[in-house]
Amino acid sequence: AEMVLVTVLLFFLLYGRYELRDRIVRLATRARIAVAS
C-alpha cells in the first residue's frame, strides 16, 4: 500500500509540478515571504 501511495504521489508531483510551483509562490506571497517562481 505504501509503494502504491508513493507511486501515485510521484506521478501527480511530476505531472503537476508547474502548478504546484505556482501554488507555492501564491502561498508564499500571502505569508509575505519573498520567493519567485
PDB file of all heavy atoms in Angstrom:
ATOM      1  N   ALA A   1       0.827  -1.212   0.000  1.00  0.00           N
ATOM      2  CA  ALA A   1       0.000   0.000   0.000  1.00  0.00           C
ATOM      3  C   ALA A   1       0.859   1.259   0.000  1.00  0.00           C
ATOM      4  O   ALA A   1       0.563   2.235  -0.704  1.00  0.00           O
ATOM      5  CB  ALA A   1      -0.926  -0.019   1.213  1.00  0.00           C
ATOM      6  N   GLU A   2       1.960   1.254   0.770  1.00  0.00           N
ATOM      7  CA  GLU A   2       2.852   2.413   0.776  1.00  0.00           C
ATOM      8  C   GLU A   2       3.517   2.614  -0.586  1.00  0.00           C
ATOM      9  O   GLU A   2       3.679   3.751  -1.041  1.00  0.00           O
ATOM     10  CB  GLU A   2       3.906   2.238   1.863  1.00  0.00           C
ATOM     11  CG  GLU A   2       3.370   2.400   3.279  1.00  0.00           C
ATOM     12  CD  GLU A   2       4.477   2.385   4.310  1.00  0.00           C
ATOM     13  OE1 GLU A   2       5.651   2.237   3.909  1.00  0.00           O
ATOM     14  OE2 GLU A   2       4.170   2.504   5.504  1.00  0.00           O
ATOM     15  N   MET A   3       3.907   1.511  -1.228  1.00  0.00           N
ATOM     16  CA  MET A   3       4.513   1.629  -2.559  1.00  0.00           C
ATOM     17  C   MET A   3       3.527   2.213  -3.563  1.00  0.00           C
ATOM     18  O   MET A   3       3.882   3.053  -4.392  1.00  0.00           O
ATOM     19  CB  MET A   3       5.015   0.267  -3.019  1.00  0.00           C
ATOM     20  CG  MET A   3       6.225  -0.253  -2.267  1.00  0.00           C
ATOM     21  SD  MET A   3       6.786  -1.845  -2.890  1.00  0.00           S
ATOM     22  CE  MET A   3       7.153  -1.428  -4.601  1.00  0.00           C
ATOM     23  N   VAL A   4       2.273   1.767  -3.492  1.00  0.00           N
ATOM     24  CA  VAL A   4       1.257   2.310  -4.405  1.00  0.00           C
ATOM     25  C   VAL A   4       1.039   3.791  -4.131  1.00  0.00           C
ATOM     26  O   VAL A   4       0.934   4.611  -5.066  1.00  0.00           O
ATOM     27  CB  VAL A   4      -0.061   1.518  -4.248  1.00  0.00           C
ATOM     28  CG1 VAL A   4      -1.175   2.186  -5.050  1.00  0.00           C
ATOM     29  CG2 VAL A   4       0.126   0.075  -4.716  1.00  0.00           C
ATOM     30  N   LEU A   5       0.993   4.168  -2.847  1.00  0.00           N
ATOM     31  CA  LEU A   5       0.813   5.581  -2.500  1.00  0.00           C
ATOM     32  C   LEU A   5       1.976   6.428  -3.015  1.00  0.00           C
ATOM     33  O   LEU A   5       1.773   7.514  -3.579  1.00  0.00           O
ATOM     34  CB  LEU A   5       0.687   5.717  -0.987  1.00  0.00           C
ATOM     35  CG  LEU A   5       0.547   7.142  -0.435  1.00  0.00           C
ATOM     36  CD1 LEU A   5      -0.686   7.819  -0.997  1.00  0.00           C
ATOM     37  CD2 LEU A   5       0.501   7.132   1.082  1.00  0.00           C
ATOM     38  N   VAL A   6       3.212   5.936  -2.841  1.00  0.00           N
ATOM     39  CA  VAL A   6       4.380   6.672  -3.329  1.00  0.00           C
ATOM     40  C   VAL A   6       4.333   6.797  -4.846  1.00  0.00           C
ATOM     41  O   VAL A   6       4.656   7.856  -5.414  1.00  0.00           O
ATOM     42  CB  VAL A   6       5.671   5.967  -2.870  1.00  0.00           C
ATOM     43  CG1 VAL A   6       6.880   6.560  -3.581  1.00  0.00           C
ATOM     44  CG2 VAL A   6       5.839   6.093  -1.371  1.00  0.00           C
ATOM     45  N   THR A   7       3.917   5.729  -5.531  1.00  0.00           N
ATOM     46  CA  THR A   7       3.854   5.759  -6.997  1.00  0.00           C
ATOM     47  C   THR A   7       2.843   6.789  -7.481  1.00  0.00           C
ATOM     48  O   THR A   7       3.116   7.582  -8.395  1.00  0.00           O
ATOM     49  CB  THR A   7       3.488   4.362  -7.524  1.00  0.00           C
ATOM     50  OG1 THR A   7       4.449   3.419  -7.052  1.00  0.00           O
ATOM     51  CG2 THR A   7       3.470   4.360  -9.036  1.00  0.00           C
ATOM     52  N   VAL A   8       1.662   6.792  -6.862  1.00  0.00           N
ATOM     53  CA  VAL A   8       0.622   7.745  -7.276  1.00  0.00           C
ATOM     54  C   VAL A   8       1.077   9.183  -6.993  1.00  0.00           C
ATOM     55  O   VAL A   8       0.918  10.089  -7.832  1.00  0.00           O
ATOM     56  CB  VAL A   8      -0.701   7.426  -6.557  1.00  0.00           C
ATOM     57  CG1 VAL A   8      -1.739   8.505  -6.858  1.00  0.00           C
ATOM     58  CG2 VAL A   8      -1.217   6.068  -6.988  1.00  0.00           C
ATOM     59  N   LEU A   9       1.644   9.402  -5.815  1.00  0.00           N
ATOM     60  CA  LEU A   9       2.138  10.749  -5.494  1.00  0.00           C
ATOM     61  C   LEU A   9       3.238  11.183  -6.456  1.00  0.00           C
ATOM     62  O   LEU A   9       3.270  12.348  -6.888  1.00  0.00           O
ATOM     63  CB  LEU A   9       2.667  10.762  -4.061  1.00  0.00           C
ATOM     64  CG  LEU A   9       1.635  10.807  -2.931  1.00  0.00           C
ATOM     65  CD1 LEU A   9       2.323  10.661  -1.582  1.00  0.00           C
ATOM     66  CD2 LEU A   9       0.843  12.114  -2.976  1.00  0.00           C
ATOM     67  N   LEU A  10       4.136  10.273  -6.792  1.00  0.00           N
ATOM     68  CA  LEU A  10       5.209  10.612  -7.722  1.00  0.00           C
ATOM     69  C   LEU A  10       4.656  11.033  -9.067  1.00  0.00           C
ATOM     70  O   LEU A  10       5.119  12.027  -9.666  1.00  0.00           O
ATOM     71  CB  LEU A  10       6.147   9.407  -7.879  1.00  0.00           C
ATOM     72  CG  LEU A  10       7.281   9.549  -8.896  1.00  0.00           C
ATOM     73  CD1 LEU A  10       8.197  10.709  -8.540  1.00  0.00           C
ATOM     74  CD2 LEU A  10       8.071   8.252  -8.991  1.00  0.00           C
ATOM     75  N   PHE A  11       3.645  10.318  -9.564  1.00  0.00           N
ATOM     76  CA  PHE A  11       3.067  10.684 -10.861  1.00  0.00           C
ATOM     77  C   PHE A  11       2.453  12.075 -10.820  1.00  0.00           C
ATOM     78  O   PHE A  11       2.701  12.913 -11.703  1.00  0.00           O
ATOM     79  CB  PHE A  11       2.014   9.656 -11.272  1.00  0.00           C
ATOM     80  CG  PHE A  11       1.231  10.059 -12.485  1.00  0.00           C
ATOM     81  CD1 PHE A  11       1.789   9.959 -13.756  1.00  0.00           C
ATOM     82  CD2 PHE A  11      -0.052  10.568 -12.365  1.00  0.00           C
ATOM     83  CE1 PHE A  11       1.077  10.356 -14.879  1.00  0.00           C
ATOM     84  CE2 PHE A  11      -0.772  10.957 -13.483  1.00  0.00           C
ATOM     85  CZ  PHE A  11      -0.203  10.855 -14.737  1.00  0.00           C
ATOM     86  N   PHE A  12       1.656  12.355  -9.788  1.00  0.00           N
ATOM     87  CA  PHE A  12       0.988  13.654  -9.741  1.00  0.00           C
ATOM     88  C   PHE A  12       1.970  14.792  -9.464  1.00  0.00           C
ATOM     89  O   PHE A  12       1.765  15.916  -9.937  1.00  0.00           O
ATOM     90  CB  PHE A  12      -0.120  13.630  -8.691  1.00  0.00           C
ATOM     91  CG  PHE A  12      -1.368  12.930  -9.158  1.00  0.00           C
ATOM     92  CD1 PHE A  12      -1.685  11.664  -8.701  1.00  0.00           C
ATOM     93  CD2 PHE A  12      -2.216  13.533 -10.076  1.00  0.00           C
ATOM     94  CE1 PHE A  12      -2.824  11.011  -9.135  1.00  0.00           C
ATOM     95  CE2 PHE A  12      -3.363  12.891 -10.523  1.00  0.00           C
ATOM     96  CZ  PHE A  12      -3.666  11.625 -10.048  1.00  0.00           C
ATOM     97  N   LEU A  13       3.029  14.517  -8.710  1.00  0.00           N
ATOM     98  CA  LEU A  13       4.043  15.551  -8.499  1.00  0.00           C
ATOM     99  C   LEU A  13       4.779  15.874  -9.793  1.00  0.00           C
ATOM    100  O   LEU A  13       5.094  17.044 -10.063  1.00  0.00           O
ATOM    101  CB  LEU A  13       5.033  15.097  -7.428  1.00  0.00           C
ATOM    102  CG  LEU A  13       4.518  15.104  -5.983  1.00  0.00           C
ATOM    103  CD1 LEU A  13       5.558  14.497  -5.057  1.00  0.00           C
ATOM    104  CD2 LEU A  13       4.173  16.515  -5.530  1.00  0.00           C
ATOM    105  N   LEU A  14       5.069  14.866 -10.602  1.00  0.00           N
ATOM    106  CA  LEU A  14       5.740  15.116 -11.876  1.00  0.00           C
ATOM    107  C   LEU A  14       4.804  15.780 -12.873  1.00  0.00           C
ATOM    108  O   LEU A  14       5.202  16.683 -13.613  1.00  0.00           O
ATOM    109  CB  LEU A  14       6.277  13.805 -12.449  1.00  0.00           C
ATOM    110  CG  LEU A  14       7.489  13.190 -11.733  1.00  0.00           C
ATOM    111  CD1 LEU A  14       7.820  11.837 -12.335  1.00  0.00           C
ATOM    112  CD2 LEU A  14       8.690  14.110 -11.831  1.00  0.00           C
ATOM    113  N   TYR A  15       3.554  15.325 -12.905  1.00  0.00           N
ATOM    114  CA  TYR A  15       2.608  15.866 -13.880  1.00  0.00           C
ATOM    115  C   TYR A  15       2.210  17.303 -13.541  1.00  0.00           C
ATOM    116  O   TYR A  15       2.084  18.154 -14.427  1.00  0.00           O
ATOM    117  CB  TYR A  15       1.364  14.974 -13.945  1.00  0.00           C
ATOM    118  CG  TYR A  15       0.311  15.478 -14.888  1.00  0.00           C
ATOM    119  CD1 TYR A  15       0.509  15.441 -16.270  1.00  0.00           C
ATOM    120  CD2 TYR A  15      -0.882  16.018 -14.407  1.00  0.00           C
ATOM    121  CE1 TYR A  15      -0.457  15.918 -17.140  1.00  0.00           C
ATOM    122  CE2 TYR A  15      -1.853  16.492 -15.270  1.00  0.00           C
ATOM    123  CZ  TYR A  15      -1.629  16.444 -16.632  1.00  0.00           C
ATOM    124  OH  TYR A  15      -2.577  16.921 -17.492  1.00  0.00           O
ATOM    125  N   GLY A  16       2.024  17.594 -12.268  1.00  0.00           N
ATOM    126  CA  GLY A  16       1.571  18.933 -11.877  1.00  0.00           C
ATOM    127  C   GLY A  16       2.636  19.769 -11.211  1.00  0.00           C
ATOM    128  O   GLY A  16       2.309  20.590 -10.341  1.00  0.00           O
ATOM    129  N   ARG A  17       3.903  19.577 -11.598  1.00  0.00           N
ATOM    130  CA  ARG A  17       4.977  20.298 -10.905  1.00  0.00           C
ATOM    131  C   ARG A  17       4.928  21.793 -11.165  1.00  0.00           C
ATOM    132  O   ARG A  17       5.273  22.592 -10.277  1.00  0.00           O
ATOM    133  CB  ARG A  17       6.338  19.738 -11.312  1.00  0.00           C
ATOM    134  CG  ARG A  17       6.668  19.788 -12.789  1.00  0.00           C
ATOM    135  CD  ARG A  17       7.949  19.005 -13.075  1.00  0.00           C
ATOM    136  NE  ARG A  17       8.368  19.084 -14.457  1.00  0.00           N
ATOM    137  CZ  ARG A  17       7.899  18.297 -15.423  1.00  0.00           C
ATOM    138  NH1 ARG A  17       6.972  17.384 -15.122  1.00  0.00           N
ATOM    139  NH2 ARG A  17       8.331  18.413 -16.657  1.00  0.00           N
ATOM    140  N   TYR A  18       4.477  22.218 -12.345  1.00  0.00           N
ATOM    141  CA  TYR A  18       4.409  23.662 -12.621  1.00  0.00           C
ATOM    142  C   TYR A  18       3.274  24.306 -11.833  1.00  0.00           C
ATOM    143  O   TYR A  18       3.438  25.407 -11.260  1.00  0.00           O
ATOM    144  CB  TYR A  18       4.230  23.905 -14.115  1.00  0.00           C
ATOM    145  CG  TYR A  18       5.347  23.334 -14.956  1.00  0.00           C
ATOM    146  CD1 TYR A  18       5.098  22.348 -15.898  1.00  0.00           C
ATOM    147  CD2 TYR A  18       6.656  23.782 -14.801  1.00  0.00           C
ATOM    148  CE1 TYR A  18       6.119  21.818 -16.666  1.00  0.00           C
ATOM    149  CE2 TYR A  18       7.683  23.265 -15.562  1.00  0.00           C
ATOM    150  CZ  TYR A  18       7.411  22.276 -16.500  1.00  0.00           C
ATOM    151  OH  TYR A  18       8.422  21.748 -17.250  1.00  0.00           O
ATOM    152  N   GLU A  19       2.110  23.646 -11.788  1.00  0.00           N
ATOM    153  CA  GLU A  19       1.004  24.185 -10.991  1.00  0.00           C
ATOM    154  C   GLU A  19       1.356  24.206  -9.507  1.00  0.00           C
ATOM    155  O   GLU A  19       1.011  25.154  -8.794  1.00  0.00           O
ATOM    156  CB  GLU A  19      -0.262  23.351 -11.221  1.00  0.00           C
ATOM    157  CG  GLU A  19      -0.870  23.495 -12.606  1.00  0.00           C
ATOM    158  CD  GLU A  19      -0.161  22.636 -13.647  1.00  0.00           C
ATOM    159  OE1 GLU A  19       0.791  21.920 -13.271  1.00  0.00           O
ATOM    160  OE2 GLU A  19      -0.552  22.694 -14.831  1.00  0.00           O
ATOM    161  N   LEU A  20       2.045  23.167  -9.047  1.00  0.00           N
ATOM    162  CA  LEU A  20       2.455  23.135  -7.646  1.00  0.00           C
ATOM    163  C   LEU A  20       3.422  24.271  -7.329  1.00  0.00           C
ATOM    164  O   LEU A  20       3.344  24.899  -6.266  1.00  0.00           O
ATOM    165  CB  LEU A  20       3.091  21.786  -7.334  1.00  0.00           C
ATOM    166  CG  LEU A  20       3.538  21.562  -5.882  1.00  0.00           C
ATOM    167  CD1 LEU A  20       2.340  21.629  -4.949  1.00  0.00           C
ATOM    168  CD2 LEU A  20       4.250  20.222  -5.744  1.00  0.00           C
ATOM    169  N   ARG A  21       4.325  24.554  -8.256  1.00  0.00           N
ATOM    170  CA  ARG A  21       5.246  25.677  -8.062  1.00  0.00           C
ATOM    171  C   ARG A  21       4.491  26.995  -7.943  1.00  0.00           C
ATOM    172  O   ARG A  21       4.773  27.811  -7.049  1.00  0.00           O
ATOM    173  CB  ARG A  21       6.230  25.735  -9.231  1.00  0.00           C
ATOM    174  CG  ARG A  21       7.201  26.885  -9.191  1.00  0.00           C
ATOM    175  CD  ARG A  21       7.783  27.124 -10.569  1.00  0.00           C
ATOM    176  NE  ARG A  21       6.743  27.507 -11.510  1.00  0.00           N
ATOM    177  CZ  ARG A  21       6.918  27.570 -12.828  1.00  0.00           C
ATOM    178  NH1 ARG A  21       8.071  27.240 -13.355  1.00  0.00           N
ATOM    179  NH2 ARG A  21       5.923  27.932 -13.624  1.00  0.00           N
ATOM    180  N   ASP A  22       3.499  27.215  -8.806  1.00  0.00           N
ATOM    181  CA  ASP A  22       2.730  28.459  -8.741  1.00  0.00           C
ATOM    182  C   ASP A  22       1.921  28.555  -7.450  1.00  0.00           C
ATOM    183  O   ASP A  22       1.774  29.644  -6.878  1.00  0.00           O
ATOM    184  CB  ASP A  22       1.794  28.549  -9.947  1.00  0.00           C
ATOM    185  CG  ASP A  22       2.568  28.640 -11.266  1.00  0.00           C
ATOM    186  OD1 ASP A  22       3.739  29.074 -11.228  1.00  0.00           O
ATOM    187  OD2 ASP A  22       2.002  28.262 -12.310  1.00  0.00           O
ATOM    188  N   ARG A  23       1.402  27.418  -6.978  1.00  0.00           N
ATOM    189  CA  ARG A  23       0.657  27.448  -5.717  1.00  0.00           C
ATOM    190  C   ARG A  23       1.578  27.830  -4.557  1.00  0.00           C
ATOM    191  O   ARG A  23       1.196  28.584  -3.659  1.00  0.00           O
ATOM    192  CB  ARG A  23       0.028  26.078  -5.443  1.00  0.00           C
ATOM    193  CG  ARG A  23      -1.098  25.708  -6.402  1.00  0.00           C
ATOM    194  CD  ARG A  23      -1.537  24.270  -6.178  1.00  0.00           C
ATOM    195  NE  ARG A  23      -2.505  23.848  -7.169  1.00  0.00           N
ATOM    196  CZ  ARG A  23      -3.816  23.930  -7.023  1.00  0.00           C
ATOM    197  NH1 ARG A  23      -4.310  24.434  -5.904  1.00  0.00           N
ATOM    198  NH2 ARG A  23      -4.631  23.528  -7.977  1.00  0.00           N
ATOM    199  N   ILE A  24       2.788  27.289  -4.564  1.00  0.00           N
ATOM    200  CA  ILE A  24       3.740  27.623  -3.508  1.00  0.00           C
ATOM    201  C   ILE A  24       4.065  29.110  -3.535  1.00  0.00           C
ATOM    202  O   ILE A  24       4.175  29.763  -2.493  1.00  0.00           O
ATOM    203  CB  ILE A  24       5.010  26.768  -3.652  1.00  0.00           C
ATOM    204  CG1 ILE A  24       4.687  25.301  -3.380  1.00  0.00           C
ATOM    205  CG2 ILE A  24       6.098  27.249  -2.711  1.00  0.00           C
ATOM    206  CD1 ILE A  24       5.846  24.365  -3.626  1.00  0.00           C
ATOM    207  N   VAL A  25       4.213  29.668  -4.728  1.00  0.00           N
ATOM    208  CA  VAL A  25       4.503  31.098  -4.844  1.00  0.00           C
ATOM    209  C   VAL A  25       3.350  31.931  -4.295  1.00  0.00           C
ATOM    210  O   VAL A  25       3.547  32.919  -3.567  1.00  0.00           O
ATOM    211  CB  VAL A  25       4.798  31.460  -6.313  1.00  0.00           C
ATOM    212  CG1 VAL A  25       4.892  32.972  -6.484  1.00  0.00           C
ATOM    213  CG2 VAL A  25       6.080  30.806  -6.774  1.00  0.00           C
ATOM    214  N   ARG A  26       2.105  31.533  -4.601  1.00  0.00           N
ATOM    215  CA  ARG A  26       0.955  32.285  -4.100  1.00  0.00           C
ATOM    216  C   ARG A  26       0.849  32.190  -2.581  1.00  0.00           C
ATOM    217  O   ARG A  26       0.553  33.171  -1.899  1.00  0.00           O
ATOM    218  CB  ARG A  26      -0.327  31.780  -4.763  1.00  0.00           C
ATOM    219  CG  ARG A  26      -0.438  32.134  -6.236  1.00  0.00           C
ATOM    220  CD  ARG A  26      -1.871  32.069  -6.703  1.00  0.00           C
ATOM    221  NE  ARG A  26      -2.397  30.713  -6.637  1.00  0.00           N
ATOM    222  CZ  ARG A  26      -2.330  29.834  -7.632  1.00  0.00           C
ATOM    223  NH1 ARG A  26      -1.752  30.177  -8.777  1.00  0.00           N
ATOM    224  NH2 ARG A  26      -2.840  28.630  -7.501  1.00  0.00           N
ATOM    225  N   LEU A  27       1.095  30.989  -2.045  1.00  0.00           N
ATOM    226  CA  LEU A  27       1.072  30.847  -0.594  1.00  0.00           C
ATOM    227  C   LEU A  27       2.174  31.672   0.061  1.00  0.00           C
ATOM    228  O   LEU A  27       1.964  32.293   1.109  1.00  0.00           O
ATOM    229  CB  LEU A  27       1.236  29.365  -0.217  1.00  0.00           C
ATOM    230  CG  LEU A  27       0.031  28.461  -0.476  1.00  0.00           C
ATOM    231  CD1 LEU A  27       0.393  27.011  -0.179  1.00  0.00           C
ATOM    232  CD2 LEU A  27      -1.158  28.888   0.374  1.00  0.00           C
ATOM    233  N   ALA A  28       3.350  31.674  -0.554  1.00  0.00           N
ATOM    234  CA  ALA A  28       4.453  32.467  -0.005  1.00  0.00           C
ATOM    235  C   ALA A  28       4.128  33.958  -0.050  1.00  0.00           C
ATOM    236  O   ALA A  28       4.475  34.715   0.860  1.00  0.00           O
ATOM    237  CB  ALA A  28       5.742  32.173  -0.771  1.00  0.00           C
ATOM    238  N   THR A  29       3.447  34.382  -1.103  1.00  0.00           N
ATOM    239  CA  THR A  29       3.074  35.796  -1.208  1.00  0.00           C
ATOM    240  C   THR A  29       2.093  36.179  -0.107  1.00  0.00           C
ATOM    241  O   THR A  29       2.210  37.242   0.511  1.00  0.00           O
ATOM    242  CB  THR A  29       2.461  36.071  -2.589  1.00  0.00           C
ATOM    243  OG1 THR A  29       3.393  35.692  -3.610  1.00  0.00           O
ATOM    244  CG2 THR A  29       2.122  37.540  -2.739  1.00  0.00           C
ATOM    245  N   ARG A  30       1.138  35.303   0.169  1.00  0.00           N
ATOM    246  CA  ARG A  30       0.188  35.598   1.243  1.00  0.00           C
ATOM    247  C   ARG A  30       0.870  35.626   2.601  1.00  0.00           C
ATOM    248  O   ARG A  30       0.461  36.360   3.502  1.00  0.00           O
ATOM    249  CB  ARG A  30      -0.936  34.563   1.251  1.00  0.00           C
ATOM    250  CG  ARG A  30      -1.859  34.672   0.045  1.00  0.00           C
ATOM    251  CD  ARG A  30      -3.050  33.750   0.193  1.00  0.00           C
ATOM    252  NE  ARG A  30      -3.967  33.891  -0.925  1.00  0.00           N
ATOM    253  CZ  ARG A  30      -5.137  33.260  -1.010  1.00  0.00           C
ATOM    254  NH1 ARG A  30      -5.506  32.443  -0.031  1.00  0.00           N
ATOM    255  NH2 ARG A  30      -5.909  33.439  -2.047  1.00  0.00           N
ATOM    256  N   ALA A  31       1.894  34.791   2.750  1.00  0.00           N
ATOM    257  CA  ALA A  31       2.644  34.771   4.013  1.00  0.00           C
ATOM    258  C   ALA A  31       3.739  35.830   4.055  1.00  0.00           C
ATOM    259  O   ALA A  31       4.526  35.857   5.004  1.00  0.00           O
ATOM    260  CB  ALA A  31       3.262  33.394   4.223  1.00  0.00           C
ATOM    261  N   ARG A  32       3.797  36.677   3.019  1.00  0.00           N
ATOM    262  CA  ARG A  32       4.788  37.749   2.932  1.00  0.00           C
ATOM    263  C   ARG A  32       6.211  37.203   2.942  1.00  0.00           C
ATOM    264  O   ARG A  32       7.110  37.734   3.587  1.00  0.00           O
ATOM    265  CB  ARG A  32       4.606  38.754   4.081  1.00  0.00           C
ATOM    266  CG  ARG A  32       3.269  39.468   4.032  1.00  0.00           C
ATOM    267  CD  ARG A  32       3.144  40.474   5.151  1.00  0.00           C
ATOM    268  NE  ARG A  32       1.856  41.175   5.093  1.00  0.00           N
ATOM    269  CZ  ARG A  32       1.466  42.111   5.947  1.00  0.00           C
ATOM    270  NH1 ARG A  32       2.304  42.458   6.935  1.00  0.00           N
ATOM    271  NH2 ARG A  32       0.304  42.672   5.838  1.00  0.00           N
ATOM    272  N   ILE A  33       6.394  36.110   2.214  1.00  0.00           N
ATOM    273  CA  ILE A  33       7.724  35.529   2.046  1.00  0.00           C
ATOM    274  C   ILE A  33       8.181  35.842   0.630  1.00  0.00           C
ATOM    275  O   ILE A  33       7.486  35.518  -0.337  1.00  0.00           O
ATOM    276  CB  ILE A  33       7.712  34.004   2.277  1.00  0.00           C
ATOM    277  CG1 ILE A  33       7.277  33.706   3.717  1.00  0.00           C
ATOM    278  CG2 ILE A  33       9.063  33.388   1.986  1.00  0.00           C
ATOM    279  CD1 ILE A  33       7.142  32.230   4.014  1.00  0.00           C
ATOM    280  N   ALA A  34       9.336  36.459   0.513  1.00  0.00           N
ATOM    281  CA  ALA A  34       9.839  36.884  -0.798  1.00  0.00           C
ATOM    282  C   ALA A  34      10.422  35.682  -1.536  1.00  0.00           C
ATOM    283  O   ALA A  34      11.541  35.260  -1.267  1.00  0.00           O
ATOM    284  CB  ALA A  34      10.895  37.970  -0.628  1.00  0.00           C
ATOM    285  N   VAL A  35       9.654  35.107  -2.433  1.00  0.00           N
ATOM    286  CA  VAL A  35      10.137  33.998  -3.251  1.00  0.00           C
ATOM    287  C   VAL A  35       9.452  34.097  -4.609  1.00  0.00           C
ATOM    288  O   VAL A  35       8.254  34.353  -4.700  1.00  0.00           O
ATOM    289  CB  VAL A  35       9.842  32.636  -2.570  1.00  0.00           C
ATOM    290  CG1 VAL A  35       8.376  32.470  -2.292  1.00  0.00           C
ATOM    291  CG2 VAL A  35      10.337  31.487  -3.432  1.00  0.00           C
ATOM    292  N   ALA A  36      10.218  33.919  -5.658  1.00  0.00           N
ATOM    293  CA  ALA A  36       9.703  33.991  -7.019  1.00  0.00           C
ATOM    294  C   ALA A  36       9.647  32.604  -7.617  1.00  0.00           C
ATOM    295  O   ALA A  36      10.328  31.680  -7.182  1.00  0.00           O
ATOM    296  CB  ALA A  36      10.591  34.905  -7.881  1.00  0.00           C
ATOM    297  N   SER A  37       8.792  32.468  -8.647  1.00  0.00           N
ATOM    298  CA  SER A  37       8.688  31.170  -9.313  1.00  0.00           C
ATOM    299  C   SER A  37      10.003  30.776  -9.965  1.00  0.00           C
ATOM    300  O   SER A  37      10.362  29.598 -10.018  1.00  0.00           O
ATOM    301  CB  SER A  37       7.575  31.222 -10.361  1.00  0.00           C
ATOM    302  OG  SER A  37       7.851  32.238 -11.327  1.00  0.00           O
TER     303      SER A  37
END
